[in-house]
Each structure stands twice: as structure tokens, then as C-alpha cells.
Amino acid sequence: MQETIRAILENTRRVIVGKEQVTKLMLAALFADGHVLLEDVPGTGKTRLARALAQSLGLHFGRIQFTPDMLPADITGLHIYDRQRGAFVLQKGPVFTNVLLADEINRATPRTQAGLLECMEERQVTIDGETQRLEPPFFVVATENPVETAGTFPLPEAQLDRFLFKLSMGLPSREEELLILDTYREKDPLETLQAVTGAEELLRMKREAMQVYVHSLVCEYMVDLAAATRSSDRTVMGVSPRGTLALMRAAKAWAYVEGRAFVTPDDVRAVAGPVMAHRMVLSYGQSRYEDALSLTEQLCRSVPVTTEDFSEKK
């Protein structure tokens, strides 16, 4: 499957310049059956990355522009009376897709934001007491603008915990920005982007990713990392057991993306920041993501791990 992964990354690179690390993390989130929260200033390519990934994987793409006047039914759908049939018919909402872009999710009210929780966790939607299953794969990419916060409703910790990763695109370097201009000089490459795989193969790759071997000593390292976030004097809330499980799934998916059938401590460190930082509440009030990332990096360096050849299974 490594050839397919390389093809996906190469295809996405035609649209998104210089963000291979973020793209690989997005792919790992897909393999780990998780969701991603992208927080960055406007114009950094958040929407284009989600669309390029969906088109490369041959998946259906849906987009919701969150606004303060939105209702949960605008996301999930509702039953509408059909006069010709003489019955209520379900009008499905945009959540019935494979890749859902929840654009500026923090601009909607908490009631509307909560409309996504069941979809993200159980992969199902309950409308008027009737439960509808979502077609796999189902992948939510939510975006936030960290600068313009007037009229927004910050996501509570319980909702942030539903996201496997919190990522930032970052601004391009001078060389990357010149390459962006050259790439888009004559036409938009997204318009002609072709799929390199399909949903069936993606589901098979997800199953393979979850079969990646995790040594018991690596499990101990992940548990010790989570415990360190709870005992740190800089936090009032550390990573929950659900966060530890997310760390293991993410590390397995990252190892799979990197072409390994086993997880190493370096794989854990590679995903620890995106998995753990947004799940922590710092002790001095409103958590800052950059400070939480810095703390996670410090804990990854300070928490010991037993040295062993992790390429050998017991």
C-alpha cells in the first residue's frame, strides 16, 4: 500500500505546496478513523487541502459554512412533507458525505456545534427519532480562525476531545510562495485533479493501519506520557484515557503512513503534539495551543522510555 500512499501525497502536492507533513497527518487521521481541527489564519489552504485529499481518494466532499443563525437541522437534515406522496420525506443534510468540511465551526452556537457530535463519534445521525447510518468512510475537517474571534463560540474541551488532531497549516516560506504563484499561474490544478484510489481501498488501508503492532513497552510510554500531563503543575486537566487511546491509534496510523508494521517511540512523539495539546487545560486560565504544544514536547523529552529493538515482536 506504500505505492498508493505515495501516489496520494504526490497528487495532493499538485494543489498544496510545501505542506507534506500536514498532509501526512491528515492521511494518518483518516487511517485512524479520526477527525481533524485545522486552526489558522484565512488563506493558508485549509479548504483546498480537504478538497484535494477528498478528490485524490475518490470520496464525496461536502462543505458547511457555519454561521450564528444555523440550526442543527441545517447539518443533519429534516423531514419535509411531500404533498404528492402524502407523507414526510427525509431531506438529508450535508453531513451525509465522506469528507465534511465544517468551515469556521466556532461561528455556530453550541447547540448547532453539538449537532456534529453524534455524527463524529457514532457515525450516525438521529433525525426525529430515526437513526440513519453514515456511509463509511466519514471524515470531518473543521476549521477555525484564531485571529478574528468576535462573535464566535469557542469549542468546549469535551468537543475538542472528539478531534484526533489539531493542526495548523502555517504560512509558506518565500520559496514555497513563489512555487505557489508558479503552480497557479495559468490554471487551478484542483479543477483537473484526478482520484488515485477509491473508498474501498481506503477502508482496506484503514484496517491494515489498525493491525500495526504496538509493543507493550511503547504502550507503557504512552500511558506515562498521559499521566505526566495530568501530574504537571502547569495543567488543571491533562489527557483523558480517551486521549491515550487516540494517541495509540494515531501512532499506529503514522507508522503505517511511514511504511512500518510496528510502532516506535519516535512515532508516538511525532503525533503526541497534535493529539495531546488541544486536550489539555493549562493552569493559568484560557489554554493557549502553542503553550500546550511546548509542554507536550517537553514531556516527550523528559518521560523515559525503555530502549529496545522494537522491530522484533515478542
C-alpha atoms as a PDB file:
ATOM      1  CA  MET A   1       0.000   0.000   0.000  1.00  0.00           C
ATOM      2  CA  GLN A   2       3.004   2.302   0.202  1.00  0.00           C
ATOM      3  CA  GLU A   3       2.761   2.993  -3.529  1.00  0.00           C
ATOM      4  CA  THR A   4      -0.832   4.167  -3.015  1.00  0.00           C
ATOM      5  CA  ILE A   5       0.180   6.413  -0.113  1.00  0.00           C
ATOM      6  CA  ARG A   6       2.980   7.947  -2.173  1.00  0.00           C
ATOM      7  CA  ALA A   7       0.550   8.483  -5.056  1.00  0.00           C
ATOM      8  CA  ILE A   8      -1.919  10.240  -2.744  1.00  0.00           C
ATOM      9  CA  LEU A   9       0.793  12.518  -1.354  1.00  0.00           C
ATOM     10  CA  GLU A  10       2.139  13.277  -4.825  1.00  0.00           C
ATOM     11  CA  ASN A  11      -1.338  14.022  -6.150  1.00  0.00           C
ATOM     12  CA  THR A  12      -2.140  16.351  -3.249  1.00  0.00           C
ATOM     13  CA  ARG A  13       1.215  18.098  -3.749  1.00  0.00           C
ATOM     14  CA  ARG A  14      -0.048  19.313  -7.134  1.00  0.00           C
ATOM     15  CA  VAL A  15      -2.516  21.553  -5.263  1.00  0.00           C
ATOM     16  CA  ILE A  16      -0.935  22.139  -1.830  1.00  0.00           C
ATOM     17  CA  VAL A  17       2.672  23.354  -1.901  1.00  0.00           C
ATOM     18  CA  GLY A  18       5.116  22.616   0.909  1.00  0.00           C
ATOM     19  CA  LYS A  19       2.706  21.090   3.438  1.00  0.00           C
ATOM     20  CA  GLU A  20       3.570  17.408   3.178  1.00  0.00           C
ATOM     21  CA  GLN A  21       3.825  16.955   6.966  1.00  0.00           C
ATOM     22  CA  VAL A  22       0.291  18.288   7.469  1.00  0.00           C
ATOM     23  CA  THR A  23      -0.983  16.191   4.556  1.00  0.00           C
ATOM     24  CA  LYS A  24       0.578  13.040   6.025  1.00  0.00           C
ATOM     25  CA  LEU A  25      -1.019  13.801   9.394  1.00  0.00           C
ATOM     26  CA  MET A  26      -4.392  14.274   7.684  1.00  0.00           C
ATOM     27  CA  LEU A  27      -3.939  10.922   5.964  1.00  0.00           C
ATOM     28  CA  ALA A  28      -2.968   9.329   9.285  1.00  0.00           C
ATOM     29  CA  ALA A  29      -6.143  10.752  10.854  1.00  0.00           C
ATOM     30  CA  LEU A  30      -8.173   9.116   8.078  1.00  0.00           C
ATOM     31  CA  PHE A  31      -6.471   5.756   8.643  1.00  0.00           C
ATOM     32  CA  ALA A  32      -7.022   6.089  12.410  1.00  0.00           C
ATOM     33  CA  ASP A  33     -10.750   6.771  11.865  1.00  0.00           C
ATOM     34  CA  GLY A  34     -10.399  10.207  13.469  1.00  0.00           C
ATOM     35  CA  HIS A  35     -11.242  13.817  12.681  1.00  0.00           C
ATOM     36  CA  VAL A  36      -9.095  16.934  12.328  1.00  0.00           C
ATOM     37  CA  LEU A  37      -9.418  20.507  13.576  1.00  0.00           C
ATOM     38  CA  LEU A  38      -7.441  22.952  11.410  1.00  0.00           C
ATOM     39  CA  GLU A  39      -6.755  26.289  13.080  1.00  0.00           C
ATOM     40  CA  ASP A  40      -5.021  29.002  11.095  1.00  0.00           C
ATOM     41  CA  VAL A  41      -5.489  32.432   9.552  1.00  0.00           C
ATOM     42  CA  PRO A  42      -7.568  32.718   6.355  1.00  0.00           C
ATOM     43  CA  GLY A  43      -5.920  31.949   3.038  1.00  0.00           C
ATOM     44  CA  THR A  44      -3.446  29.292   4.165  1.00  0.00           C
ATOM     45  CA  GLY A  45      -5.081  26.457   2.200  1.00  0.00           C
ATOM     46  CA  LYS A  46      -7.244  24.693   4.792  1.00  0.00           C
ATOM     47  CA  THR A  47     -10.239  24.235   2.491  1.00  0.00           C
ATOM     48  CA  ARG A  48      -8.119  23.350  -0.531  1.00  0.00           C
ATOM     49  CA  LEU A  49      -6.251  20.676   1.421  1.00  0.00           C
ATOM     50  CA  ALA A  50      -9.512  18.998   2.447  1.00  0.00           C
ATOM     51  CA  ARG A  51     -10.847  19.134  -1.119  1.00  0.00           C
ATOM     52  CA  ALA A  52      -7.583  17.905  -2.658  1.00  0.00           C
ATOM     53  CA  LEU A  53      -7.470  14.969  -0.255  1.00  0.00           C
ATOM     54  CA  ALA A  54     -11.095  14.057  -0.950  1.00  0.00           C
ATOM     55  CA  GLN A  55     -10.581  14.197  -4.729  1.00  0.00           C
ATOM     56  CA  SER A  56      -7.346  12.195  -4.530  1.00  0.00           C
ATOM     57  CA  LEU A  57      -9.156   9.479  -2.570  1.00  0.00           C
ATOM     58  CA  GLY A  58     -12.208   9.488  -4.835  1.00  0.00           C
ATOM     59  CA  LEU A  59     -14.525  10.443  -1.955  1.00  0.00           C
ATOM     60  CA  HIS A  60     -17.639  12.600  -1.839  1.00  0.00           C
ATOM     61  CA  PHE A  61     -16.929  16.074  -0.446  1.00  0.00           C
ATOM     62  CA  GLY A  62     -19.373  18.242   1.479  1.00  0.00           C
ATOM     63  CA  ARG A  63     -18.950  21.729   2.907  1.00  0.00           C
ATOM     64  CA  ILE A  64     -20.846  23.630   5.604  1.00  0.00           C
ATOM     65  CA  GLN A  65     -20.228  27.331   6.215  1.00  0.00           C
ATOM     66  CA  PHE A  66     -21.048  27.750   9.900  1.00  0.00           C
ATOM     67  CA  THR A  67     -22.885  30.936  10.904  1.00  0.00           C
ATOM     68  CA  PRO A  68     -24.547  32.077  14.169  1.00  0.00           C
ATOM     69  CA  ASP A  69     -28.073  31.579  12.780  1.00  0.00           C
ATOM     70  CA  MET A  70     -27.538  27.946  11.739  1.00  0.00           C
ATOM     71  CA  LEU A  71     -29.631  25.184  13.314  1.00  0.00           C
ATOM     72  CA  PRO A  72     -28.704  21.509  13.842  1.00  0.00           C
ATOM     73  CA  ALA A  73     -31.186  20.530  11.120  1.00  0.00           C
ATOM     74  CA  ASP A  74     -29.133  22.562   8.634  1.00  0.00           C
ATOM     75  CA  ILE A  75     -26.379  19.998   9.223  1.00  0.00           C
ATOM     76  CA  THR A  76     -28.210  16.725   9.711  1.00  0.00           C
ATOM     77  CA  GLY A  77     -31.333  17.274   7.605  1.00  0.00           C
ATOM     78  CA  LEU A  78     -35.054  17.107   8.392  1.00  0.00           C
ATOM     79  CA  HIS A  79     -38.326  15.546   7.297  1.00  0.00           C
ATOM     80  CA  ILE A  80     -40.308  17.622   4.807  1.00  0.00           C
ATOM     81  CA  TYR A  81     -43.934  16.944   3.905  1.00  0.00           C
ATOM     82  CA  ASP A  82     -44.328  15.806   0.303  1.00  0.00           C
ATOM     83  CA  ARG A  83     -47.823  16.729  -0.903  1.00  0.00           C
ATOM     84  CA  GLN A  84     -47.649  14.401  -3.898  1.00  0.00           C
ATOM     85  CA  ARG A  85     -46.758  11.387  -1.755  1.00  0.00           C
ATOM     86  CA  GLY A  86     -48.856  12.482   1.199  1.00  0.00           C
ATOM     87  CA  ALA A  87     -46.029  11.679   3.600  1.00  0.00           C
ATOM     88  CA  PHE A  88     -42.993  13.179   5.259  1.00  0.00           C
ATOM     89  CA  VAL A  89     -39.766  12.547   3.323  1.00  0.00           C
ATOM     90  CA  LEU A  90     -36.269  12.827   4.737  1.00  0.00           C
ATOM     91  CA  GLN A  91     -34.250  15.636   3.203  1.00  0.00           C
ATOM     92  CA  LYS A  92     -30.678  14.645   4.036  1.00  0.00           C
ATOM     93  CA  GLY A  93     -28.280  17.345   5.180  1.00  0.00           C
ATOM     94  CA  PRO A  94     -24.694  17.937   4.062  1.00  0.00           C
ATOM     95  CA  VAL A  95     -23.400  15.609   6.785  1.00  0.00           C
ATOM     96  CA  PHE A  96     -24.274  12.664   4.537  1.00  0.00           C
ATOM     97  CA  THR A  97     -20.948  12.606   2.716  1.00  0.00           C
ATOM     98  CA  ASN A  98     -17.466  11.111   3.076  1.00  0.00           C
ATOM     99  CA  VAL A  99     -15.314  14.183   3.738  1.00  0.00           C
ATOM    100  CA  LEU A 100     -17.151  17.001   5.516  1.00  0.00           C
ATOM    101  CA  LEU A 101     -15.562  20.444   5.765  1.00  0.00           C
ATOM    102  CA  ALA A 102     -17.026  22.269   8.774  1.00  0.00           C
ATOM    103  CA  ASP A 103     -15.785  25.739   7.874  1.00  0.00           C
ATOM    104  CA  GLU A 104     -15.372  28.176  10.784  1.00  0.00           C
ATOM    105  CA  ILE A 105     -17.113  25.778  13.160  1.00  0.00           C
ATOM    106  CA  ASN A 106     -16.739  28.152  16.118  1.00  0.00           C
ATOM    107  CA  ARG A 107     -19.062  30.717  14.481  1.00  0.00           C
ATOM    108  CA  ALA A 108     -22.085  28.498  15.139  1.00  0.00           C
ATOM    109  CA  THR A 109     -23.851  28.321  18.509  1.00  0.00           C
ATOM    110  CA  PRO A 110     -23.065  25.438  20.886  1.00  0.00           C
ATOM    111  CA  ARG A 111     -26.445  23.912  20.037  1.00  0.00           C
ATOM    112  CA  THR A 112     -25.521  23.718  16.371  1.00  0.00           C
ATOM    113  CA  GLN A 113     -21.976  22.555  17.086  1.00  0.00           C
ATOM    114  CA  ALA A 114     -23.449  19.714  19.160  1.00  0.00           C
ATOM    115  CA  GLY A 115     -25.282  18.533  16.051  1.00  0.00           C
ATOM    116  CA  LEU A 116     -21.965  17.126  14.827  1.00  0.00           C
ATOM    117  CA  LEU A 117     -21.063  15.199  17.989  1.00  0.00           C
ATOM    118  CA  GLU A 118     -23.162  12.096  17.302  1.00  0.00           C
ATOM    119  CA  CYS A 119     -22.018  12.096  13.676  1.00  0.00           C
ATOM    120  CA  MET A 120     -18.347  12.248  14.657  1.00  0.00           C
ATOM    121  CA  GLU A 121     -18.481   9.715  17.488  1.00  0.00           C
ATOM    122  CA  GLU A 122     -21.096   7.134  16.436  1.00  0.00           C
ATOM    123  CA  ARG A 123     -21.044   7.706  12.649  1.00  0.00           C
ATOM    124  CA  GLN A 124     -24.802   8.055  12.681  1.00  0.00           C
ATOM    125  CA  VAL A 125     -27.475  10.765  12.666  1.00  0.00           C
ATOM    126  CA  THR A 126     -30.726  10.768  14.643  1.00  0.00           C
ATOM    127  CA  ILE A 127     -33.452  12.835  12.957  1.00  0.00           C
ATOM    128  CA  ASP A 128     -36.917  12.981  14.553  1.00  0.00           C
ATOM    129  CA  GLY A 129     -36.145   9.802  16.488  1.00  0.00           C
ATOM    130  CA  GLU A 130     -34.999   7.923  13.379  1.00  0.00           C
ATOM    131  CA  THR A 131     -31.368   6.863  13.220  1.00  0.00           C
ATOM    132  CA  GLN A 132     -29.519   6.986   9.903  1.00  0.00           C
ATOM    133  CA  ARG A 133     -26.089   5.412   9.465  1.00  0.00           C
ATOM    134  CA  LEU A 134     -23.392   7.445   7.720  1.00  0.00           C
ATOM    135  CA  GLU A 135     -21.667   5.783   4.786  1.00  0.00           C
ATOM    136  CA  PRO A 136     -18.021   4.947   5.610  1.00  0.00           C
ATOM    137  CA  PRO A 137     -15.532   6.450   5.431  1.00  0.00           C
ATOM    138  CA  PHE A 138     -16.703   9.566   7.293  1.00  0.00           C
ATOM    139  CA  PHE A 139     -14.082  12.226   7.959  1.00  0.00           C
ATOM    140  CA  VAL A 140     -14.702  15.682   9.455  1.00  0.00           C
ATOM    141  CA  VAL A 141     -12.252  18.520   8.827  1.00  0.00           C
ATOM    142  CA  ALA A 142     -13.262  21.524  10.935  1.00  0.00           C
ATOM    143  CA  THR A 143     -11.583  24.917  10.571  1.00  0.00           C
ATOM    144  CA  GLU A 144     -11.132  27.873  12.905  1.00  0.00           C
ATOM    145  CA  ASN A 145      -9.709  31.363  12.504  1.00  0.00           C
ATOM    146  CA  PRO A 146      -7.644  32.131  15.649  1.00  0.00           C
ATOM    147  CA  VAL A 147      -7.399  35.865  14.925  1.00  0.00           C
ATOM    148  CA  GLU A 148     -10.953  37.058  14.330  1.00  0.00           C
ATOM    149  CA  THR A 149     -12.745  35.853  17.480  1.00  0.00           C
ATOM    150  CA  ALA A 150     -15.583  38.416  17.713  1.00  0.00           C
ATOM    151  CA  GLY A 151     -18.962  36.688  17.568  1.00  0.00           C
ATOM    152  CA  THR A 152     -17.536  33.197  17.951  1.00  0.00           C
ATOM    153  CA  PHE A 153     -18.362  30.379  20.356  1.00  0.00           C
ATOM    154  CA  PRO A 154     -15.180  28.570  21.486  1.00  0.00           C
ATOM    155  CA  LEU A 155     -15.356  24.794  21.365  1.00  0.00           C
ATOM    156  CA  PRO A 156     -15.559  23.295  24.886  1.00  0.00           C
ATOM    157  CA  GLU A 157     -12.973  20.754  25.998  1.00  0.00           C
ATOM    158  CA  ALA A 158     -15.442  17.870  25.637  1.00  0.00           C
ATOM    159  CA  GLN A 159     -15.956  18.762  21.971  1.00  0.00           C
ATOM    160  CA  LEU A 160     -12.255  19.342  21.298  1.00  0.00           C
ATOM    161  CA  ASP A 161     -11.667  15.835  22.646  1.00  0.00           C
ATOM    162  CA  ARG A 162     -13.656  14.458  19.681  1.00  0.00           C
ATOM    163  CA  PHE A 163     -10.926  15.590  17.277  1.00  0.00           C
ATOM    164  CA  LEU A 164      -7.987  13.224  16.868  1.00  0.00           C
ATOM    165  CA  PHE A 165      -5.635  16.015  15.706  1.00  0.00           C
ATOM    166  CA  LYS A 166      -5.495  19.760  15.983  1.00  0.00           C
ATOM    167  CA  LEU A 167      -3.233  21.089  13.235  1.00  0.00           C
ATOM    168  CA  SER A 168      -2.015  24.371  11.803  1.00  0.00           C
ATOM    169  CA  MET A 169      -1.122  24.900   8.147  1.00  0.00           C
ATOM    170  CA  GLY A 170       1.389  27.705   8.767  1.00  0.00           C
ATOM    171  CA  LEU A 171       2.495  30.357   6.324  1.00  0.00           C
ATOM    172  CA  PRO A 172       4.735  29.335   3.409  1.00  0.00           C
ATOM    173  CA  SER A 173       8.373  30.267   3.055  1.00  0.00           C
ATOM    174  CA  ARG A 174       9.443  32.689   0.315  1.00  0.00           C
ATOM    175  CA  GLU A 175      10.453  29.816  -1.960  1.00  0.00           C
ATOM    176  CA  GLU A 176       7.170  27.990  -1.335  1.00  0.00           C
ATOM    177  CA  GLU A 177       5.121  31.106  -2.040  1.00  0.00           C
ATOM    178  CA  LEU A 178       6.963  31.603  -5.339  1.00  0.00           C
ATOM    179  CA  LEU A 179       6.183  27.987  -6.215  1.00  0.00           C
ATOM    180  CA  ILE A 180       2.518  28.611  -5.347  1.00  0.00           C
ATOM    181  CA  LEU A 181       2.419  31.501  -7.824  1.00  0.00           C
ATOM    182  CA  ASP A 182       4.036  29.332 -10.474  1.00  0.00           C
ATOM    183  CA  THR A 183       1.621  26.439  -9.803  1.00  0.00           C
ATOM    184  CA  TYR A 184      -1.459  28.654 -10.126  1.00  0.00           C
ATOM    185  CA  ARG A 185      -0.117  30.914 -12.869  1.00  0.00           C
ATOM    186  CA  GLU A 186      -2.288  29.592 -15.700  1.00  0.00           C
ATOM    187  CA  LYS A 187      -5.000  27.440 -14.095  1.00  0.00           C
ATOM    188  CA  ASP A 188      -6.255  25.951 -10.836  1.00  0.00           C
ATOM    189  CA  PRO A 189      -4.815  22.410 -10.535  1.00  0.00           C
ATOM    190  CA  LEU A 190      -7.693  21.425  -8.236  1.00  0.00           C
ATOM    191  CA  GLU A 191     -10.100  21.582 -11.174  1.00  0.00           C
ATOM    192  CA  THR A 192      -8.306  18.767 -13.016  1.00  0.00           C
ATOM    193  CA  LEU A 193      -7.192  16.691 -10.014  1.00  0.00           C
ATOM    194  CA  GLN A 194      -7.979  13.008 -10.558  1.00  0.00           C
ATOM    195  CA  ALA A 195      -8.522  10.272  -7.985  1.00  0.00           C
ATOM    196  CA  VAL A 196      -5.648   7.842  -7.439  1.00  0.00           C
ATOM    197  CA  THR A 197      -7.625   5.384  -5.289  1.00  0.00           C
ATOM    198  CA  GLY A 198     -11.165   4.768  -4.041  1.00  0.00           C
ATOM    199  CA  ALA A 199     -13.249   4.301  -0.909  1.00  0.00           C
ATOM    200  CA  GLU A 200     -12.948   0.509  -0.939  1.00  0.00           C
ATOM    201  CA  GLU A 201      -9.153   0.573  -0.972  1.00  0.00           C
ATOM    202  CA  LEU A 202      -9.121   3.311   1.675  1.00  0.00           C
ATOM    203  CA  LEU A 203     -11.226   1.160   4.014  1.00  0.00           C
ATOM    204  CA  ARG A 204      -8.827  -1.745   3.444  1.00  0.00           C
ATOM    205  CA  MET A 205      -5.878   0.518   4.296  1.00  0.00           C
ATOM    206  CA  LYS A 206      -7.656   1.647   7.479  1.00  0.00           C
ATOM    207  CA  ARG A 207      -7.993  -1.967   8.569  1.00  0.00           C
ATOM    208  CA  GLU A 208      -4.319  -2.598   7.836  1.00  0.00           C
ATOM    209  CA  ALA A 209      -3.282   0.509   9.782  1.00  0.00           C
ATOM    210  CA  MET A 210      -5.110  -0.694  12.866  1.00  0.00           C
ATOM    211  CA  GLN A 211      -3.228  -4.018  12.649  1.00  0.00           C
ATOM    212  CA  VAL A 212       0.137  -2.282  13.144  1.00  0.00           C
ATOM    213  CA  TYR A 213       1.953  -3.866  16.077  1.00  0.00           C
ATOM    214  CA  VAL A 214       2.416  -1.935  19.330  1.00  0.00           C
ATOM    215  CA  HIS A 215       4.997  -3.275  21.793  1.00  0.00           C
ATOM    216  CA  SER A 216       3.951  -3.349  25.447  1.00  0.00           C
ATOM    217  CA  LEU A 217       6.840  -1.018  26.331  1.00  0.00           C
ATOM    218  CA  VAL A 218       5.547   1.542  23.814  1.00  0.00           C
ATOM    219  CA  CYS A 219       2.128   1.250  25.460  1.00  0.00           C
ATOM    220  CA  GLU A 220       3.781   1.982  28.800  1.00  0.00           C
ATOM    221  CA  TYR A 221       5.468   5.034  27.280  1.00  0.00           C
ATOM    222  CA  MET A 222       2.121   6.370  26.031  1.00  0.00           C
ATOM    223  CA  VAL A 223       0.465   5.797  29.412  1.00  0.00           C
ATOM    224  CA  ASP A 224       3.368   7.539  31.184  1.00  0.00           C
ATOM    225  CA  LEU A 225       3.057  10.496  28.788  1.00  0.00           C
ATOM    226  CA  ALA A 226      -0.649  10.821  29.525  1.00  0.00           C
ATOM    227  CA  ALA A 227      -0.001  10.551  33.269  1.00  0.00           C
ATOM    228  CA  ALA A 228       2.649  13.260  33.004  1.00  0.00           C
ATOM    229  CA  THR A 229       0.102  15.673  31.512  1.00  0.00           C
ATOM    230  CA  ARG A 230      -2.179  15.056  34.497  1.00  0.00           C
ATOM    231  CA  SER A 231       0.521  15.490  37.147  1.00  0.00           C
ATOM    232  CA  SER A 232       2.182  18.560  35.616  1.00  0.00           C
ATOM    233  CA  ASP A 233       1.929  21.701  37.737  1.00  0.00           C
ATOM    234  CA  ARG A 234       1.147  23.636  34.533  1.00  0.00           C
ATOM    235  CA  THR A 235      -2.173  21.863  33.892  1.00  0.00           C
ATOM    236  CA  VAL A 236      -5.515  21.656  35.649  1.00  0.00           C
ATOM    237  CA  MET A 237      -6.726  18.967  33.238  1.00  0.00           C
ATOM    238  CA  GLY A 238      -4.495  16.507  31.469  1.00  0.00           C
ATOM    239  CA  VAL A 239      -5.149  13.930  28.772  1.00  0.00           C
ATOM    240  CA  SER A 240      -8.017  11.527  29.485  1.00  0.00           C
ATOM    241  CA  PRO A 241      -7.929   7.764  28.807  1.00  0.00           C
ATOM    242  CA  ARG A 242      -9.767   8.514  25.552  1.00  0.00           C
ATOM    243  CA  GLY A 243      -6.829  10.745  24.657  1.00  0.00           C
ATOM    244  CA  THR A 244      -4.409   7.883  25.385  1.00  0.00           C
ATOM    245  CA  LEU A 245      -6.405   5.615  23.093  1.00  0.00           C
ATOM    246  CA  ALA A 246      -6.328   8.341  20.444  1.00  0.00           C
ATOM    247  CA  LEU A 247      -2.553   8.563  20.849  1.00  0.00           C
ATOM    248  CA  MET A 248      -2.193   4.825  20.213  1.00  0.00           C
ATOM    249  CA  ARG A 249      -4.451   4.904  17.135  1.00  0.00           C
ATOM    250  CA  ALA A 250      -2.612   7.925  15.765  1.00  0.00           C
ATOM    251  CA  ALA A 251       0.817   6.375  16.359  1.00  0.00           C
ATOM    252  CA  LYS A 252      -0.249   3.187  14.560  1.00  0.00           C
ATOM    253  CA  ALA A 253      -1.600   5.171  11.617  1.00  0.00           C
ATOM    254  CA  TRP A 254       1.550   7.321  11.462  1.00  0.00           C
ATOM    255  CA  ALA A 255       3.761   4.214  11.456  1.00  0.00           C
ATOM    256  CA  TYR A 256       1.609   2.825   8.626  1.00  0.00           C
ATOM    257  CA  VAL A 257       1.990   6.032   6.605  1.00  0.00           C
ATOM    258  CA  GLU A 258       5.744   5.818   7.167  1.00  0.00           C
ATOM    259  CA  GLY A 259       5.771   2.235   5.878  1.00  0.00           C
ATOM    260  CA  ARG A 260       6.327   0.321   9.141  1.00  0.00           C
ATOM    261  CA  ALA A 261       4.362  -2.594  10.578  1.00  0.00           C
ATOM    262  CA  PHE A 262       5.272  -1.648  14.158  1.00  0.00           C
ATOM    263  CA  VAL A 263       5.178   1.482  16.313  1.00  0.00           C
ATOM    264  CA  THR A 264       8.340   3.075  17.708  1.00  0.00           C
ATOM    265  CA  PRO A 265       8.654   5.764  20.409  1.00  0.00           C
ATOM    266  CA  ASP A 266       9.504   8.224  17.608  1.00  0.00           C
ATOM    267  CA  ASP A 267       6.102   7.535  16.055  1.00  0.00           C
ATOM    268  CA  VAL A 268       4.477   8.407  19.376  1.00  0.00           C
ATOM    269  CA  ARG A 269       6.483  11.631  19.610  1.00  0.00           C
ATOM    270  CA  ALA A 270       5.594  12.550  16.012  1.00  0.00           C
ATOM    271  CA  VAL A 271       1.864  12.623  16.790  1.00  0.00           C
ATOM    272  CA  ALA A 272       1.918  13.493  20.500  1.00  0.00           C
ATOM    273  CA  GLY A 273       1.601  17.247  19.957  1.00  0.00           C
ATOM    274  CA  PRO A 274      -1.352  17.182  17.522  1.00  0.00           C
ATOM    275  CA  VAL A 275      -3.114  14.545  19.655  1.00  0.00           C
ATOM    276  CA  MET A 276      -2.492  15.804  23.194  1.00  0.00           C
ATOM    277  CA  ALA A 277      -2.049  19.591  23.147  1.00  0.00           C
ATOM    278  CA  HIS A 278      -5.692  20.506  22.483  1.00  0.00           C
ATOM    279  CA  ARG A 279      -6.845  18.046  25.160  1.00  0.00           C
ATOM    280  CA  MET A 280      -5.009  19.854  27.974  1.00  0.00           C
ATOM    281  CA  VAL A 281      -6.179  22.829  30.029  1.00  0.00           C
ATOM    282  CA  LEU A 282      -3.307  24.913  31.363  1.00  0.00           C
ATOM    283  CA  SER A 283      -3.313  26.079  34.951  1.00  0.00           C
ATOM    284  CA  TYR A 284      -3.251  29.809  34.304  1.00  0.00           C
ATOM    285  CA  GLY A 285      -6.666  30.100  32.655  1.00  0.00           C
ATOM    286  CA  GLN A 286      -7.524  30.035  28.986  1.00  0.00           C
ATOM    287  CA  SER A 287      -5.326  27.434  27.322  1.00  0.00           C
ATOM    288  CA  ARG A 288      -3.036  28.549  24.544  1.00  0.00           C
ATOM    289  CA  TYR A 289      -2.384  25.890  21.970  1.00  0.00           C
ATOM    290  CA  GLU A 290       1.233  26.953  21.417  1.00  0.00           C
ATOM    291  CA  ASP A 291       1.982  26.680  25.145  1.00  0.00           C
ATOM    292  CA  ALA A 292       0.318  23.258  25.309  1.00  0.00           C
ATOM    293  CA  LEU A 293       2.390  22.115  22.309  1.00  0.00           C
ATOM    294  CA  SER A 294       5.560  23.305  24.033  1.00  0.00           C
ATOM    295  CA  LEU A 295       4.609  21.424  27.200  1.00  0.00           C
ATOM    296  CA  THR A 296       3.907  18.267  25.202  1.00  0.00           C
ATOM    297  CA  GLU A 297       7.334  18.475  23.565  1.00  0.00           C
ATOM    298  CA  GLN A 298       8.980  18.894  26.973  1.00  0.00           C
ATOM    299  CA  LEU A 299       7.141  15.865  28.361  1.00  0.00           C
ATOM    300  CA  CYS A 300       8.101  13.754  25.330  1.00  0.00           C
ATOM    301  CA  ARG A 301      11.756  14.533  26.076  1.00  0.00           C
ATOM    302  CA  SER A 302      11.527  14.069  29.856  1.00  0.00           C
ATOM    303  CA  VAL A 303       9.389  10.917  30.111  1.00  0.00           C
ATOM    304  CA  PRO A 304      11.775   7.939  29.869  1.00  0.00           C
ATOM    305  CA  VAL A 305      11.244   5.041  27.510  1.00  0.00           C
ATOM    306  CA  THR A 306      12.888   1.643  27.709  1.00  0.00           C
ATOM    307  CA  THR A 307      15.401   1.142  24.888  1.00  0.00           C
ATOM    308  CA  GLU A 308      14.739  -1.993  22.887  1.00  0.00           C
ATOM    309  CA  ASP A 309      14.706  -3.165  19.299  1.00  0.00           C
ATOM    310  CA  PHE A 310      11.054  -2.504  18.517  1.00  0.00           C
ATOM    311  CA  SER A 311      11.318  -4.116  15.118  1.00  0.00           C
ATOM    312  CA  GLU A 312      11.211  -7.506  16.830  1.00  0.00           C
ATOM    313  CA  LYS A 313       7.926  -8.762  18.147  1.00  0.00           C
ATOM    314  CA  LYS A 314       7.683 -10.850  21.262  1.00  0.00           C
END
